[in-house]
C-alpha atoms as a PDB file:
ATOM      1  CA  MET A   1     -10.753 -10.279 -28.357  1.00  0.00           C
ATOM      2  CA  PRO A   2     -13.144 -10.900 -25.492  1.00  0.00           C
ATOM      3  CA  PHE A   3     -14.458  -8.104 -23.316  1.00  0.00           C
ATOM      4  CA  SER A   4     -13.405  -8.990 -19.776  1.00  0.00           C
ATOM      5  CA  LEU A   5     -12.851  -6.985 -16.624  1.00  0.00           C
ATOM      6  CA  LEU A   6     -11.129  -9.888 -14.879  1.00  0.00           C
ATOM      7  CA  PRO A   7      -7.349  -9.725 -14.668  1.00  0.00           C
ATOM      8  CA  LYS A   8      -5.510 -12.874 -15.721  1.00  0.00           C
ATOM      9  CA  LEU A   9      -2.904 -12.338 -12.989  1.00  0.00           C
ATOM     10  CA  ILE A  10      -2.819 -10.322  -9.791  1.00  0.00           C
ATOM     11  CA  PHE A  11       0.326  -9.200  -7.967  1.00  0.00           C
ATOM     12  CA  HIS A  12       0.733  -7.046  -4.902  1.00  0.00           C
ATOM     13  CA  LYS A  13       3.144  -4.651  -6.645  1.00  0.00           C
ATOM     14  CA  LEU A  14       4.980  -4.238  -9.927  1.00  0.00           C
ATOM     15  CA  THR A  15       8.351  -5.237  -8.518  1.00  0.00           C
ATOM     16  CA  ASP A  16       6.964  -8.650  -7.490  1.00  0.00           C
ATOM     17  CA  LEU A  17       6.994  -9.613 -11.179  1.00  0.00           C
ATOM     18  CA  THR A  18      10.174 -11.405 -12.201  1.00  0.00           C
ATOM     19  CA  PRO A  19      11.726 -11.973 -15.609  1.00  0.00           C
ATOM     20  CA  GLU A  20      11.608 -15.712 -14.929  1.00  0.00           C
ATOM     21  CA  PHE A  21       7.864 -15.601 -14.268  1.00  0.00           C
ATOM     22  CA  LEU A  22       7.249 -13.702 -17.496  1.00  0.00           C
ATOM     23  CA  ARG A  23       9.516 -15.977 -19.562  1.00  0.00           C
ATOM     24  CA  GLN A  24       7.724 -19.091 -18.245  1.00  0.00           C
ATOM     25  CA  ARG A  25       4.574 -17.662 -19.787  1.00  0.00           C
ATOM     26  CA  GLY A  26       6.225 -16.750 -23.086  1.00  0.00           C
ATOM     27  CA  ILE A  27       6.097 -13.005 -22.355  1.00  0.00           C
ATOM     28  CA  ASP A  28       9.041 -10.955 -23.601  1.00  0.00           C
ATOM     29  CA  LEU A  29       7.389  -7.531 -23.860  1.00  0.00           C
ATOM     30  CA  LEU A  30       5.953  -5.929 -20.747  1.00  0.00           C
ATOM     31  CA  MET A  31       3.742  -2.876 -21.156  1.00  0.00           C
ATOM     32  CA  LEU A  32       3.621  -0.739 -18.041  1.00  0.00           C
ATOM     33  CA  ASP A  33       1.019   1.683 -16.828  1.00  0.00           C
ATOM     34  CA  PHE A  34       2.806   4.598 -15.195  1.00  0.00           C
ATOM     35  CA  ASP A  35       0.822   6.520 -12.582  1.00  0.00           C
ATOM     36  CA  ASN A  36       0.146   4.522  -9.428  1.00  0.00           C
ATOM     37  CA  THR A  37       1.764   1.427 -10.986  1.00  0.00           C
ATOM     38  CA  MET A  38       5.376   2.616 -11.250  1.00  0.00           C
ATOM     39  CA  LEU A  39       5.239   5.866  -9.283  1.00  0.00           C
ATOM     40  CA  PRO A  40       2.550   7.500  -7.165  1.00  0.00           C
ATOM     41  CA  TYR A  41       0.606  10.300  -8.841  1.00  0.00           C
ATOM     42  CA  THR A  42       2.092  12.664  -6.273  1.00  0.00           C
ATOM     43  CA  SER A  43       5.796  11.897  -6.860  1.00  0.00           C
ATOM     44  CA  ARG A  44       8.409  12.171  -9.583  1.00  0.00           C
ATOM     45  CA  ILE A  45      11.107  10.315  -7.675  1.00  0.00           C
ATOM     46  CA  PRO A  46      11.385   6.553  -8.313  1.00  0.00           C
ATOM     47  CA  SER A  47      12.199   4.202  -5.485  1.00  0.00           C
ATOM     48  CA  GLN A  48      15.491   2.333  -5.504  1.00  0.00           C
ATOM     49  CA  GLU A  49      13.410  -0.856  -5.639  1.00  0.00           C
ATOM     50  CA  LEU A  50      11.822   0.269  -8.925  1.00  0.00           C
ATOM     51  CA  LEU A  51      15.168   1.283 -10.427  1.00  0.00           C
ATOM     52  CA  SER A  52      16.714  -2.080  -9.490  1.00  0.00           C
ATOM     53  CA  TRP A  53      13.688  -3.886 -10.944  1.00  0.00           C
ATOM     54  CA  LEU A  54      13.984  -1.967 -14.227  1.00  0.00           C
ATOM     55  CA  ASP A  55      17.674  -2.923 -14.452  1.00  0.00           C
ATOM     56  CA  ARG A  56      16.882  -6.571 -13.768  1.00  0.00           C
ATOM     57  CA  MET A  57      14.217  -6.629 -16.466  1.00  0.00           C
ATOM     58  CA  ARG A  58      16.547  -5.015 -19.000  1.00  0.00           C
ATOM     59  CA  GLN A  59      19.412  -7.395 -18.170  1.00  0.00           C
ATOM     60  CA  SER A  60      17.096 -10.369 -18.634  1.00  0.00           C
ATOM     61  CA  GLY A  61      16.056  -9.219 -22.094  1.00  0.00           C
ATOM     62  CA  VAL A  62      12.425  -8.432 -21.203  1.00  0.00           C
ATOM     63  CA  ARG A  63      11.468  -5.441 -23.325  1.00  0.00           C
ATOM     64  CA  LEU A  64       9.661  -2.612 -21.548  1.00  0.00           C
ATOM     65  CA  CYS A  65       7.250   0.028 -22.804  1.00  0.00           C
ATOM     66  CA  VAL A  66       5.271   2.524 -20.745  1.00  0.00           C
ATOM     67  CA  VAL A  67       1.728   2.812 -22.093  1.00  0.00           C
ATOM     68  CA  SER A  68       0.054   5.649 -20.221  1.00  0.00           C
ATOM     69  CA  ASN A  69      -3.183   7.568 -20.566  1.00  0.00           C
ATOM     70  CA  SER A  70      -1.484  10.588 -19.027  1.00  0.00           C
ATOM     71  CA  LYS A  71      -1.306  13.818 -20.960  1.00  0.00           C
ATOM     72  CA  LYS A  72       1.280  15.263 -18.571  1.00  0.00           C
ATOM     73  CA  ASP A  73       5.020  15.171 -19.244  1.00  0.00           C
ATOM     74  CA  LYS A  74       5.858  13.209 -16.081  1.00  0.00           C
ATOM     75  CA  ALA A  75       5.824   9.738 -17.692  1.00  0.00           C
ATOM     76  CA  ALA A  76       7.606  10.857 -20.860  1.00  0.00           C
ATOM     77  CA  ARG A  77      10.331  12.598 -18.856  1.00  0.00           C
ATOM     78  CA  PHE A  78      10.849   9.546 -16.642  1.00  0.00           C
ATOM     79  CA  CYS A  79      11.074   7.298 -19.701  1.00  0.00           C
ATOM     80  CA  ARG A  80      13.603   9.561 -21.417  1.00  0.00           C
ATOM     81  CA  GLU A  81      15.763   9.577 -18.280  1.00  0.00           C
ATOM     82  CA  HIS A  82      15.598   5.781 -17.978  1.00  0.00           C
ATOM     83  CA  GLU A  83      15.670   4.912 -21.681  1.00  0.00           C
ATOM     84  CA  ILE A  84      12.247   3.254 -21.813  1.00  0.00           C
ATOM     85  CA  VAL A  85       9.958   3.477 -24.823  1.00  0.00           C
ATOM     86  CA  CYS A  86       6.943   5.580 -23.853  1.00  0.00           C
ATOM     87  CA  ILE A  87       3.497   5.974 -25.358  1.00  0.00           C
ATOM     88  CA  THR A  88       1.351   8.645 -23.730  1.00  0.00           C
ATOM     89  CA  HIS A  89      -2.223   9.664 -24.545  1.00  0.00           C
ATOM     90  CA  SER A  90      -2.760   5.921 -25.112  1.00  0.00           C
ATOM     91  CA  LYS A  91      -6.524   6.032 -24.592  1.00  0.00           C
ATOM     92  CA  LYS A  92      -6.728   2.727 -22.718  1.00  0.00           C
ATOM     93  CA  PRO A  93      -8.891   0.693 -22.851  1.00  0.00           C
ATOM     94  CA  THR A  94      -9.477   1.458 -26.537  1.00  0.00           C
ATOM     95  CA  GLY A  95      -6.268  -0.256 -27.527  1.00  0.00           C
ATOM     96  CA  ARG A  96      -4.736   2.629 -29.472  1.00  0.00           C
ATOM     97  CA  GLY A  97      -1.585   2.851 -27.337  1.00  0.00           C
ATOM     98  CA  ILE A  98      -1.364  -0.914 -26.983  1.00  0.00           C
ATOM     99  CA  ARG A  99      -1.466  -1.316 -30.772  1.00  0.00           C
ATOM    100  CA  GLN A 100       1.225   1.367 -31.131  1.00  0.00           C
ATOM    101  CA  CYS A 101       3.426  -0.540 -28.699  1.00  0.00           C
ATOM    102  CA  LEU A 102       2.894  -3.871 -30.470  1.00  0.00           C
ATOM    103  CA  GLU A 103       3.716  -2.258 -33.821  1.00  0.00           C
ATOM    104  CA  HIS A 104       6.812  -0.527 -32.447  1.00  0.00           C
ATOM    105  CA  PHE A 105       8.217  -3.797 -31.084  1.00  0.00           C
ATOM    106  CA  HIS A 106       6.833  -6.019 -33.889  1.00  0.00           C
ATOM    107  CA  ALA A 107       5.204  -8.157 -31.197  1.00  0.00           C
ATOM    108  CA  GLU A 108       2.211 -10.458 -31.152  1.00  0.00           C
ATOM    109  CA  PRO A 109      -0.274  -9.956 -28.282  1.00  0.00           C
ATOM    110  CA  ARG A 110       0.344 -13.480 -26.953  1.00  0.00           C
ATOM    111  CA  GLN A 111       4.006 -12.499 -26.290  1.00  0.00           C
ATOM    112  CA  THR A 112       2.987  -9.499 -24.210  1.00  0.00           C
ATOM    113  CA  ALA A 113       1.514  -8.484 -20.892  1.00  0.00           C
ATOM    114  CA  LEU A 114       0.195  -5.175 -19.634  1.00  0.00           C
ATOM    115  CA  VAL A 115       0.554  -4.439 -15.948  1.00  0.00           C
ATOM    116  CA  GLY A 116      -1.439  -1.691 -14.312  1.00  0.00           C
ATOM    117  CA  ASP A 117      -3.445  -0.661 -11.276  1.00  0.00           C
ATOM    118  CA  GLN A 118      -6.859  -0.139 -12.884  1.00  0.00           C
ATOM    119  CA  ILE A 119      -9.459  -2.679 -14.003  1.00  0.00           C
ATOM    120  CA  PHE A 120     -11.426  -0.339 -16.276  1.00  0.00           C
ATOM    121  CA  THR A 121      -8.430   0.846 -18.300  1.00  0.00           C
ATOM    122  CA  ASP A 122      -5.406  -1.436 -17.940  1.00  0.00           C
ATOM    123  CA  VAL A 123      -7.057  -4.837 -17.482  1.00  0.00           C
ATOM    124  CA  LEU A 124      -9.841  -4.223 -19.976  1.00  0.00           C
ATOM    125  CA  GLY A 125      -7.404  -2.800 -22.542  1.00  0.00           C
ATOM    126  CA  ALA A 126      -5.023  -5.758 -22.208  1.00  0.00           C
ATOM    127  CA  ASN A 127      -7.806  -8.341 -22.376  1.00  0.00           C
ATOM    128  CA  CYS A 128      -9.414  -6.767 -25.437  1.00  0.00           C
ATOM    129  CA  ALA A 129      -6.016  -6.629 -27.179  1.00  0.00           C
ATOM    130  CA  GLY A 130      -5.313 -10.313 -26.483  1.00  0.00           C
ATOM    131  CA  SER A 131      -2.451  -9.502 -24.123  1.00  0.00           C
ATOM    132  CA  THR A 132      -2.014 -10.947 -20.632  1.00  0.00           C
ATOM    133  CA  SER A 133      -3.558  -8.579 -18.094  1.00  0.00           C
ATOM    134  CA  ILE A 134      -1.723  -8.160 -14.804  1.00  0.00           C
ATOM    135  CA  LEU A 135      -3.306  -6.144 -12.016  1.00  0.00           C
ATOM    136  CA  VAL A 136      -1.248  -4.640  -9.204  1.00  0.00           C
ATOM    137  CA  LYS A 137      -2.410  -2.804  -6.127  1.00  0.00           C
ATOM    138  CA  PRO A 138      -2.385   0.988  -6.620  1.00  0.00           C
ATOM    139  CA  ILE A 139       0.625   2.580  -4.926  1.00  0.00           C
ATOM    140  CA  HIS A 140      -1.334   5.387  -3.268  1.00  0.00           C
ATOM    141  CA  LEU A 141      -5.030   6.255  -3.305  1.00  0.00           C
ATOM    142  CA  HIS A 142      -4.553   9.910  -2.447  1.00  0.00           C
ATOM    143  CA  ASN A 143      -8.014  11.281  -3.257  1.00  0.00           C
ATOM    144  CA  ILE A 144     -11.670  10.306  -2.987  1.00  0.00           C
ATOM    145  CA  TRP A 145     -12.042   9.586  -6.734  1.00  0.00           C
ATOM    146  CA  LEU A 146      -9.248   7.018  -6.701  1.00  0.00           C
ATOM    147  CA  LYS A 147     -10.707   5.426  -3.563  1.00  0.00           C
ATOM    148  CA  LEU A 148     -14.188   5.232  -5.143  1.00  0.00           C
ATOM    149  CA  ARG A 149     -12.822   3.741  -8.364  1.00  0.00           C
ATOM    150  CA  HIS A 150     -10.819   1.202  -6.404  1.00  0.00           C
ATOM    151  CA  GLY A 151     -13.953   0.290  -4.451  1.00  0.00           C
ATOM    152  CA  ALA A 152     -15.871  -0.261  -7.703  1.00  0.00           C
ATOM    153  CA  GLU A 153     -13.122  -2.642  -8.863  1.00  0.00           C
ATOM    154  CA  GLN A 154     -13.330  -4.919  -5.831  1.00  0.00           C
ATOM    155  CA  PRO A 155     -16.045  -7.279  -7.183  1.00  0.00           C
ATOM    156  CA  PHE A 156     -13.896  -7.991 -10.260  1.00  0.00           C
ATOM    157  CA  ILE A 157     -10.812  -8.604  -8.144  1.00  0.00           C
ATOM    158  CA  TYR A 158     -12.830 -10.952  -5.941  1.00  0.00           C
ATOM    159  CA  LEU A 159     -14.130 -12.885  -8.973  1.00  0.00           C
ATOM    160  CA  ALA A 160     -10.655 -13.130 -10.491  1.00  0.00           C
ATOM    161  CA  ARG A 161      -9.256 -14.549  -7.255  1.00  0.00           C
ATOM    162  CA  LYS A 162     -12.215 -16.867  -6.795  1.00  0.00           C
ATOM    163  CA  ARG A 163     -11.743 -18.293 -10.307  1.00  0.00           C
ATOM    164  CA  ARG A 164      -8.072 -18.884  -9.457  1.00  0.00           C
ATOM    165  CA  ILE A 165      -6.977 -16.659 -12.310  1.00  0.00           C
ATOM    166  CA  THR A 166      -4.188 -15.318 -10.103  1.00  0.00           C
END
């Protein structure tokens, strides 16, 4: 698939996505980045808004899978507690974890979307896999490295908005 750093869709936060929006686009499997997309790096406690959103997605029949580059147990533990399929050490943007998810759910890329907070991992990985890339604003930029990375992503976000990809 094409190499692109431009997200196909941009949302303010994960919980702004609705099952209806995804269904209108033929998406029934949503891959989720974990850190700074679902929970801040610095917290293990999900918001009530996130928990309600997860329930709504499940009730609607949208399948969920966390696809995280993290090597820590935080994402896996959260997923066990909330009965979500979880792939860690996914090596985004290479596509390894995305391919594992597609195989697990027997899904075609066109039926899927990957939502995350990073252009260089989440968006690029989704685009290269042929999945719909959805960028959300990072929950919390708590250190200089995250702030610098986010600054480097701004030209791509600007271009995506300018091209009316959002």
